[in-house]
Amino acid sequence: MSGDGAQRNKLKLYSYFRSSCSFRVRIALNLKGLEYDYIPVNLLKGEQFSPEFTKLNPLGYVPVLVDGDIVVSDSFAILLYLEEKYPQKPLLPNDLQKKAINYQAANIVSSSIQPLQNLAVLKYIGEKVSHDEMLEWPRHHIGKGFAALEKLLKDYAGKYATGEEVYLADLFLAPQLHAAIKRFNMNMSEYPLLSKMHEAYSEHPAFQAAMPENQPDTPSAR
């Protein structure tokens, strides 16, 4: 088995192929070389609200990680747990300034972009406002966040968000960029730095394996 020798029982990840939060965790597991059982939760069918799943996460969100007797939900909490339990391939740099930038970039995505484009929010907007706003709303907030990220990372970025190594910020950026381009048809011409990173992520094996189109619950998967 790959990964930490203490990983006696294979990890379990409750995931949905299109969930950007689940995408983040899949990247981390791949980077750290940790094998895991993929347990699909179909959000469109409402499986996240089943009694079985809400025992794991009362909020009814994916992802959820099960590591033996330990259950962790929320992607940020899962990533920090993985970083402490399985320290191989660190997700954070030693440099305090770069570490802070990683936290800031991750929080821009997790707090100021992703919650405003999730399925429940878009469904509510479509029902209460208009179907057209289901695209305009996320595009506005994605654009605002991307503009901030371009400024934040301009003095730190290399091939990846804070240099030549993949760190926490990249785990948040890659899924957000994928969703912006594939789901919301964002015009990326205003975000050259992020566009360059998107290309780098698409060539990295750990990111490729974590992409929505490569998951067992992807509709086209066989």
C-alpha atoms as a PDB file:
ATOM      1  CA  MET A   1       0.000   0.000   0.000  1.00  0.00           C
ATOM      2  CA  SER A   2       1.299   3.437  -0.835  1.00  0.00           C
ATOM      3  CA  GLY A   3       1.526   6.220   1.728  1.00  0.00           C
ATOM      4  CA  ASP A   4       2.184   6.188   5.457  1.00  0.00           C
ATOM      5  CA  GLY A   5       2.957   2.816   6.972  1.00  0.00           C
ATOM      6  CA  ALA A   6       0.493   3.576   9.770  1.00  0.00           C
ATOM      7  CA  GLN A   7      -2.336   3.639   7.246  1.00  0.00           C
ATOM      8  CA  ARG A   8      -3.575   0.190   8.203  1.00  0.00           C
ATOM      9  CA  ASN A   9      -7.136   0.690   7.083  1.00  0.00           C
ATOM     10  CA  LYS A  10      -7.721   2.322   3.764  1.00  0.00           C
ATOM     11  CA  LEU A  11      -9.184   5.791   4.013  1.00  0.00           C
ATOM     12  CA  LYS A  12     -12.739   6.393   2.839  1.00  0.00           C
ATOM     13  CA  LEU A  13     -13.695   9.536   0.957  1.00  0.00           C
ATOM     14  CA  TYR A  14     -17.333  10.451   0.486  1.00  0.00           C
ATOM     15  CA  SER A  15     -17.233  12.514  -2.670  1.00  0.00           C
ATOM     16  CA  TYR A  16     -19.167  13.848  -5.650  1.00  0.00           C
ATOM     17  CA  PHE A  17     -17.309  14.069  -8.930  1.00  0.00           C
ATOM     18  CA  ARG A  18     -18.211  17.708  -9.624  1.00  0.00           C
ATOM     19  CA  SER A  19     -17.752  19.009  -6.080  1.00  0.00           C
ATOM     20  CA  SER A  20     -14.795  21.387  -6.016  1.00  0.00           C
ATOM     21  CA  CYS A  21     -14.458  20.805  -2.273  1.00  0.00           C
ATOM     22  CA  SER A  22     -14.109  17.067  -2.863  1.00  0.00           C
ATOM     23  CA  PHE A  23     -11.700  17.798  -5.740  1.00  0.00           C
ATOM     24  CA  ARG A  24      -9.361  19.580  -3.283  1.00  0.00           C
ATOM     25  CA  VAL A  25      -9.170  16.562  -1.026  1.00  0.00           C
ATOM     26  CA  ARG A  26      -8.672  14.141  -3.899  1.00  0.00           C
ATOM     27  CA  ILE A  27      -5.629  16.158  -4.997  1.00  0.00           C
ATOM     28  CA  ALA A  28      -4.173  16.073  -1.483  1.00  0.00           C
ATOM     29  CA  LEU A  29      -4.651  12.319  -1.160  1.00  0.00           C
ATOM     30  CA  ASN A  30      -2.960  11.808  -4.516  1.00  0.00           C
ATOM     31  CA  LEU A  31      -0.053  14.104  -3.647  1.00  0.00           C
ATOM     32  CA  LYS A  32       0.531  12.282  -0.373  1.00  0.00           C
ATOM     33  CA  GLY A  33       0.281   8.880  -2.041  1.00  0.00           C
ATOM     34  CA  LEU A  34      -2.624   7.763   0.134  1.00  0.00           C
ATOM     35  CA  GLU A  35      -4.931   5.058  -1.137  1.00  0.00           C
ATOM     36  CA  TYR A  36      -8.619   5.507  -0.430  1.00  0.00           C
ATOM     37  CA  ASP A  37     -12.015   4.033  -1.154  1.00  0.00           C
ATOM     38  CA  TYR A  38     -14.168   6.421  -3.175  1.00  0.00           C
ATOM     39  CA  ILE A  39     -17.755   6.465  -1.926  1.00  0.00           C
ATOM     40  CA  PRO A  40     -19.973   8.488  -4.287  1.00  0.00           C
ATOM     41  CA  VAL A  41     -22.691  10.766  -2.915  1.00  0.00           C
ATOM     42  CA  ASN A  42     -25.037  11.962  -5.649  1.00  0.00           C
ATOM     43  CA  LEU A  43     -25.895  15.562  -4.792  1.00  0.00           C
ATOM     44  CA  LEU A  44     -28.465  15.854  -7.584  1.00  0.00           C
ATOM     45  CA  LYS A  45     -30.401  12.948  -6.070  1.00  0.00           C
ATOM     46  CA  GLY A  46     -30.152  14.440  -2.578  1.00  0.00           C
ATOM     47  CA  GLU A  47     -28.125  11.556  -1.146  1.00  0.00           C
ATOM     48  CA  GLN A  48     -26.243  14.064   1.010  1.00  0.00           C
ATOM     49  CA  PHE A  49     -29.410  14.503   3.095  1.00  0.00           C
ATOM     50  CA  SER A  50     -29.897  10.803   3.812  1.00  0.00           C
ATOM     51  CA  PRO A  51     -29.882   9.724   7.471  1.00  0.00           C
ATOM     52  CA  GLU A  52     -26.764   7.641   6.828  1.00  0.00           C
ATOM     53  CA  PHE A  53     -24.799  10.566   5.408  1.00  0.00           C
ATOM     54  CA  THR A  54     -25.952  13.217   7.890  1.00  0.00           C
ATOM     55  CA  LYS A  55     -24.630  11.002  10.678  1.00  0.00           C
ATOM     56  CA  LEU A  56     -21.210  11.663   9.137  1.00  0.00           C
ATOM     57  CA  ASN A  57     -21.817  15.338   8.375  1.00  0.00           C
ATOM     58  CA  PRO A  58     -24.952  16.900   9.892  1.00  0.00           C
ATOM     59  CA  LEU A  59     -24.627  19.811   7.453  1.00  0.00           C
ATOM     60  CA  GLY A  60     -25.162  17.469   4.520  1.00  0.00           C
ATOM     61  CA  TYR A  61     -22.099  18.522   2.497  1.00  0.00           C
ATOM     62  CA  VAL A  62     -19.349  16.558   0.819  1.00  0.00           C
ATOM     63  CA  PRO A  63     -16.561  15.719   1.273  1.00  0.00           C
ATOM     64  CA  VAL A  64     -16.276  13.546   4.338  1.00  0.00           C
ATOM     65  CA  LEU A  65     -13.121  11.620   5.182  1.00  0.00           C
ATOM     66  CA  VAL A  66     -13.203   8.510   7.349  1.00  0.00           C
ATOM     67  CA  ASP A  67      -9.864   7.366   8.758  1.00  0.00           C
ATOM     68  CA  GLY A  68     -10.491   4.405  11.022  1.00  0.00           C
ATOM     69  CA  ASP A  69     -12.604   5.746  13.895  1.00  0.00           C
ATOM     70  CA  ILE A  70     -12.006   9.369  12.906  1.00  0.00           C
ATOM     71  CA  VAL A  71     -14.580  11.200  10.786  1.00  0.00           C
ATOM     72  CA  VAL A  72     -13.730  14.634   9.377  1.00  0.00           C
ATOM     73  CA  SER A  73     -15.963  16.802   7.216  1.00  0.00           C
ATOM     74  CA  ASP A  74     -15.275  20.158   5.504  1.00  0.00           C
ATOM     75  CA  SER A  75     -12.449  20.207   2.974  1.00  0.00           C
ATOM     76  CA  PHE A  76     -10.299  22.716   4.880  1.00  0.00           C
ATOM     77  CA  ALA A  77     -10.515  20.639   8.065  1.00  0.00           C
ATOM     78  CA  ILE A  78      -9.784  17.456   6.119  1.00  0.00           C
ATOM     79  CA  LEU A  79      -6.709  18.970   4.467  1.00  0.00           C
ATOM     80  CA  LEU A  80      -5.307  20.184   7.779  1.00  0.00           C
ATOM     81  CA  TYR A  81      -6.004  16.773   9.318  1.00  0.00           C
ATOM     82  CA  LEU A  82      -4.200  15.014   6.465  1.00  0.00           C
ATOM     83  CA  GLU A  83      -1.275  17.398   6.810  1.00  0.00           C
ATOM     84  CA  GLU A  84      -0.810  16.494  10.475  1.00  0.00           C
ATOM     85  CA  LYS A  85      -1.542  12.773  10.235  1.00  0.00           C
ATOM     86  CA  TYR A  86       0.317  12.117   6.978  1.00  0.00           C
ATOM     87  CA  PRO A  87       3.154  14.665   6.760  1.00  0.00           C
ATOM     88  CA  GLN A  88       4.719  13.240   3.595  1.00  0.00           C
ATOM     89  CA  LYS A  89       4.619  15.759   0.726  1.00  0.00           C
ATOM     90  CA  PRO A  90       3.832  18.838   2.894  1.00  0.00           C
ATOM     91  CA  LEU A  91       0.908  21.006   1.825  1.00  0.00           C
ATOM     92  CA  LEU A  92       2.413  24.114   3.445  1.00  0.00           C
ATOM     93  CA  PRO A  93       5.835  25.748   2.992  1.00  0.00           C
ATOM     94  CA  ASN A  94       8.133  26.434   5.936  1.00  0.00           C
ATOM     95  CA  ASP A  95       8.429  30.124   5.062  1.00  0.00           C
ATOM     96  CA  LEU A  96       5.880  31.966   7.216  1.00  0.00           C
ATOM     97  CA  GLN A  97       5.125  34.634   4.615  1.00  0.00           C
ATOM     98  CA  LYS A  98       4.450  32.049   1.912  1.00  0.00           C
ATOM     99  CA  LYS A  99       2.439  29.989   4.369  1.00  0.00           C
ATOM    100  CA  ALA A 100       0.257  33.021   5.101  1.00  0.00           C
ATOM    101  CA  ILE A 101      -0.218  33.638   1.369  1.00  0.00           C
ATOM    102  CA  ASN A 102      -1.334  30.037   0.954  1.00  0.00           C
ATOM    103  CA  TYR A 103      -3.906  30.468   3.698  1.00  0.00           C
ATOM    104  CA  GLN A 104      -5.120  33.746   2.201  1.00  0.00           C
ATOM    105  CA  ALA A 105      -5.497  32.345  -1.307  1.00  0.00           C
ATOM    106  CA  ALA A 106      -7.263  29.238  -0.005  1.00  0.00           C
ATOM    107  CA  ASN A 107      -9.655  31.390   2.001  1.00  0.00           C
ATOM    108  CA  ILE A 108     -10.494  33.624  -0.950  1.00  0.00           C
ATOM    109  CA  VAL A 109     -11.627  30.535  -2.809  1.00  0.00           C
ATOM    110  CA  SER A 110     -13.307  28.752   0.098  1.00  0.00           C
ATOM    111  CA  SER A 111     -15.026  31.793   1.619  1.00  0.00           C
ATOM    112  CA  SER A 112     -15.516  34.394  -1.111  1.00  0.00           C
ATOM    113  CA  ILE A 113     -16.041  32.341  -4.278  1.00  0.00           C
ATOM    114  CA  GLN A 114     -17.072  28.712  -3.866  1.00  0.00           C
ATOM    115  CA  PRO A 115     -19.986  29.153  -1.420  1.00  0.00           C
ATOM    116  CA  LEU A 116     -21.596  31.615  -3.828  1.00  0.00           C
ATOM    117  CA  GLN A 117     -21.595  29.133  -6.704  1.00  0.00           C
ATOM    118  CA  ASN A 118     -22.634  25.952  -4.955  1.00  0.00           C
ATOM    119  CA  LEU A 119     -25.622  23.931  -6.081  1.00  0.00           C
ATOM    120  CA  ALA A 120     -28.011  25.016  -3.336  1.00  0.00           C
ATOM    121  CA  VAL A 121     -27.324  28.727  -3.895  1.00  0.00           C
ATOM    122  CA  LEU A 122     -27.706  28.524  -7.671  1.00  0.00           C
ATOM    123  CA  LYS A 123     -30.898  26.521  -7.366  1.00  0.00           C
ATOM    124  CA  TYR A 124     -32.345  29.121  -4.985  1.00  0.00           C
ATOM    125  CA  ILE A 125     -31.388  31.977  -7.322  1.00  0.00           C
ATOM    126  CA  GLY A 126     -32.926  30.180 -10.287  1.00  0.00           C
ATOM    127  CA  GLU A 127     -36.182  29.678  -8.413  1.00  0.00           C
ATOM    128  CA  LYS A 128     -36.421  33.065  -6.690  1.00  0.00           C
ATOM    129  CA  VAL A 129     -34.796  35.410  -9.234  1.00  0.00           C
ATOM    130  CA  SER A 130     -34.273  34.054 -12.748  1.00  0.00           C
ATOM    131  CA  HIS A 131     -32.582  31.290 -14.656  1.00  0.00           C
ATOM    132  CA  ASP A 132     -30.223  33.805 -16.319  1.00  0.00           C
ATOM    133  CA  GLU A 133     -28.923  34.901 -12.930  1.00  0.00           C
ATOM    134  CA  MET A 134     -27.804  31.331 -12.263  1.00  0.00           C
ATOM    135  CA  LEU A 135     -24.879  32.081 -14.584  1.00  0.00           C
ATOM    136  CA  GLU A 136     -24.407  35.796 -14.023  1.00  0.00           C
ATOM    137  CA  TRP A 137     -24.290  35.528 -10.233  1.00  0.00           C
ATOM    138  CA  PRO A 138     -21.375  33.041 -10.038  1.00  0.00           C
ATOM    139  CA  ARG A 139     -19.488  34.773 -12.863  1.00  0.00           C
ATOM    140  CA  HIS A 140     -19.599  38.067 -10.968  1.00  0.00           C
ATOM    141  CA  HIS A 141     -18.246  36.584  -7.752  1.00  0.00           C
ATOM    142  CA  ILE A 142     -15.693  34.387  -9.495  1.00  0.00           C
ATOM    143  CA  GLY A 143     -14.408  37.424 -11.366  1.00  0.00           C
ATOM    144  CA  LYS A 144     -14.127  39.453  -8.182  1.00  0.00           C
ATOM    145  CA  GLY A 145     -12.204  36.663  -6.465  1.00  0.00           C
ATOM    146  CA  PHE A 146      -9.952  35.998  -9.433  1.00  0.00           C
ATOM    147  CA  ALA A 147      -9.022  39.671  -9.683  1.00  0.00           C
ATOM    148  CA  ALA A 148      -8.003  39.623  -6.013  1.00  0.00           C
ATOM    149  CA  LEU A 149      -5.996  36.420  -6.474  1.00  0.00           C
ATOM    150  CA  GLU A 150      -4.097  37.892  -9.428  1.00  0.00           C
ATOM    151  CA  LYS A 151      -2.980  40.771  -7.210  1.00  0.00           C
ATOM    152  CA  LEU A 152      -2.262  38.629  -4.159  1.00  0.00           C
ATOM    153  CA  LEU A 153      -0.097  36.102  -5.976  1.00  0.00           C
ATOM    154  CA  LYS A 154       1.766  38.285  -8.477  1.00  0.00           C
ATOM    155  CA  ASP A 155       4.889  38.594  -6.306  1.00  0.00           C
ATOM    156  CA  TYR A 156       4.909  34.953  -5.167  1.00  0.00           C
ATOM    157  CA  ALA A 157       3.814  32.804  -8.087  1.00  0.00           C
ATOM    158  CA  GLY A 158       6.132  30.604 -10.093  1.00  0.00           C
ATOM    159  CA  LYS A 159       4.837  27.588 -11.912  1.00  0.00           C
ATOM    160  CA  TYR A 160       2.337  27.295  -9.075  1.00  0.00           C
ATOM    161  CA  ALA A 161       0.682  29.733  -6.687  1.00  0.00           C
ATOM    162  CA  THR A 162       3.643  30.393  -4.388  1.00  0.00           C
ATOM    163  CA  GLY A 163       6.591  29.103  -6.358  1.00  0.00           C
ATOM    164  CA  GLU A 164       7.761  25.921  -8.028  1.00  0.00           C
ATOM    165  CA  GLU A 165       6.155  23.505  -5.565  1.00  0.00           C
ATOM    166  CA  VAL A 166       2.489  22.609  -5.141  1.00  0.00           C
ATOM    167  CA  TYR A 167       1.020  23.787  -1.844  1.00  0.00           C
ATOM    168  CA  LEU A 168      -2.344  24.359  -0.175  1.00  0.00           C
ATOM    169  CA  ALA A 169      -3.335  27.344  -2.318  1.00  0.00           C
ATOM    170  CA  ASP A 170      -3.014  25.220  -5.449  1.00  0.00           C
ATOM    171  CA  LEU A 171      -5.391  22.628  -4.060  1.00  0.00           C
ATOM    172  CA  PHE A 172      -8.066  25.321  -3.822  1.00  0.00           C
ATOM    173  CA  LEU A 173      -7.199  27.138  -7.037  1.00  0.00           C
ATOM    174  CA  ALA A 174      -7.180  24.150  -9.389  1.00  0.00           C
ATOM    175  CA  PRO A 175     -10.784  23.038  -8.738  1.00  0.00           C
ATOM    176  CA  GLN A 176     -12.033  26.634  -8.792  1.00  0.00           C
ATOM    177  CA  LEU A 177     -10.341  27.320 -12.121  1.00  0.00           C
ATOM    178  CA  HIS A 178     -11.684  24.073 -13.557  1.00  0.00           C
ATOM    179  CA  ALA A 179     -15.235  24.972 -12.499  1.00  0.00           C
ATOM    180  CA  ALA A 180     -14.951  28.560 -13.744  1.00  0.00           C
ATOM    181  CA  ILE A 181     -13.847  27.444 -17.187  1.00  0.00           C
ATOM    182  CA  LYS A 182     -15.842  24.237 -17.643  1.00  0.00           C
ATOM    183  CA  ARG A 183     -19.077  25.025 -15.809  1.00  0.00           C
ATOM    184  CA  PHE A 184     -19.397  28.802 -15.969  1.00  0.00           C
ATOM    185  CA  ASN A 185     -17.597  29.584 -19.236  1.00  0.00           C
ATOM    186  CA  MET A 186     -15.494  32.334 -17.677  1.00  0.00           C
ATOM    187  CA  ASN A 187     -13.433  34.517 -19.978  1.00  0.00           C
ATOM    188  CA  MET A 188      -9.947  34.045 -18.542  1.00  0.00           C
ATOM    189  CA  SER A 189      -8.192  36.695 -20.653  1.00  0.00           C
ATOM    190  CA  GLU A 190      -8.196  39.103 -17.691  1.00  0.00           C
ATOM    191  CA  TYR A 191      -6.446  36.578 -15.450  1.00  0.00           C
ATOM    192  CA  PRO A 192      -3.141  35.622 -17.134  1.00  0.00           C
ATOM    193  CA  LEU A 193      -1.467  34.408 -13.953  1.00  0.00           C
ATOM    194  CA  LEU A 194      -4.324  32.099 -13.059  1.00  0.00           C
ATOM    195  CA  SER A 195      -4.564  30.892 -16.651  1.00  0.00           C
ATOM    196  CA  LYS A 196      -0.896  29.919 -16.560  1.00  0.00           C
ATOM    197  CA  MET A 197      -1.452  27.984 -13.344  1.00  0.00           C
ATOM    198  CA  HIS A 198      -4.481  26.237 -14.824  1.00  0.00           C
ATOM    199  CA  GLU A 199      -2.251  24.890 -17.580  1.00  0.00           C
ATOM    200  CA  ALA A 200       0.321  23.695 -15.034  1.00  0.00           C
ATOM    201  CA  TYR A 201      -2.334  21.930 -12.968  1.00  0.00           C
ATOM    202  CA  SER A 202      -3.715  20.163 -16.038  1.00  0.00           C
ATOM    203  CA  GLU A 203      -0.284  18.599 -16.611  1.00  0.00           C
ATOM    204  CA  HIS A 204       0.333  17.421 -13.024  1.00  0.00           C
ATOM    205  CA  PRO A 205      -0.506  13.705 -12.457  1.00  0.00           C
ATOM    206  CA  ALA A 206      -1.980  14.218  -8.967  1.00  0.00           C
ATOM    207  CA  PHE A 207      -4.316  16.892 -10.302  1.00  0.00           C
ATOM    208  CA  GLN A 208      -5.197  14.930 -13.441  1.00  0.00           C
ATOM    209  CA  ALA A 209      -6.256  11.894 -11.430  1.00  0.00           C
ATOM    210  CA  ALA A 210      -8.438  14.087  -9.191  1.00  0.00           C
ATOM    211  CA  MET A 211     -10.303  15.841 -12.017  1.00  0.00           C
ATOM    212  CA  PRO A 212     -14.093  15.469 -12.120  1.00  0.00           C
ATOM    213  CA  GLU A 213     -14.056  13.685 -15.462  1.00  0.00           C
ATOM    214  CA  ASN A 214     -11.805  10.960 -14.046  1.00  0.00           C
ATOM    215  CA  GLN A 215     -13.952   9.930 -11.076  1.00  0.00           C
ATOM    216  CA  PRO A 216     -15.934   6.681 -10.820  1.00  0.00           C
ATOM    217  CA  ASP A 217     -19.245   8.521 -10.422  1.00  0.00           C
ATOM    218  CA  THR A 218     -18.744  10.748 -13.475  1.00  0.00           C
ATOM    219  CA  PRO A 219     -21.819  10.093 -15.683  1.00  0.00           C
ATOM    220  CA  SER A 220     -19.704   9.064 -18.666  1.00  0.00           C
ATOM    221  CA  ALA A 221     -17.465   6.798 -16.607  1.00  0.00           C
ATOM    222  CA  ARG A 222     -17.621   3.116 -17.395  1.00  0.00           C
END
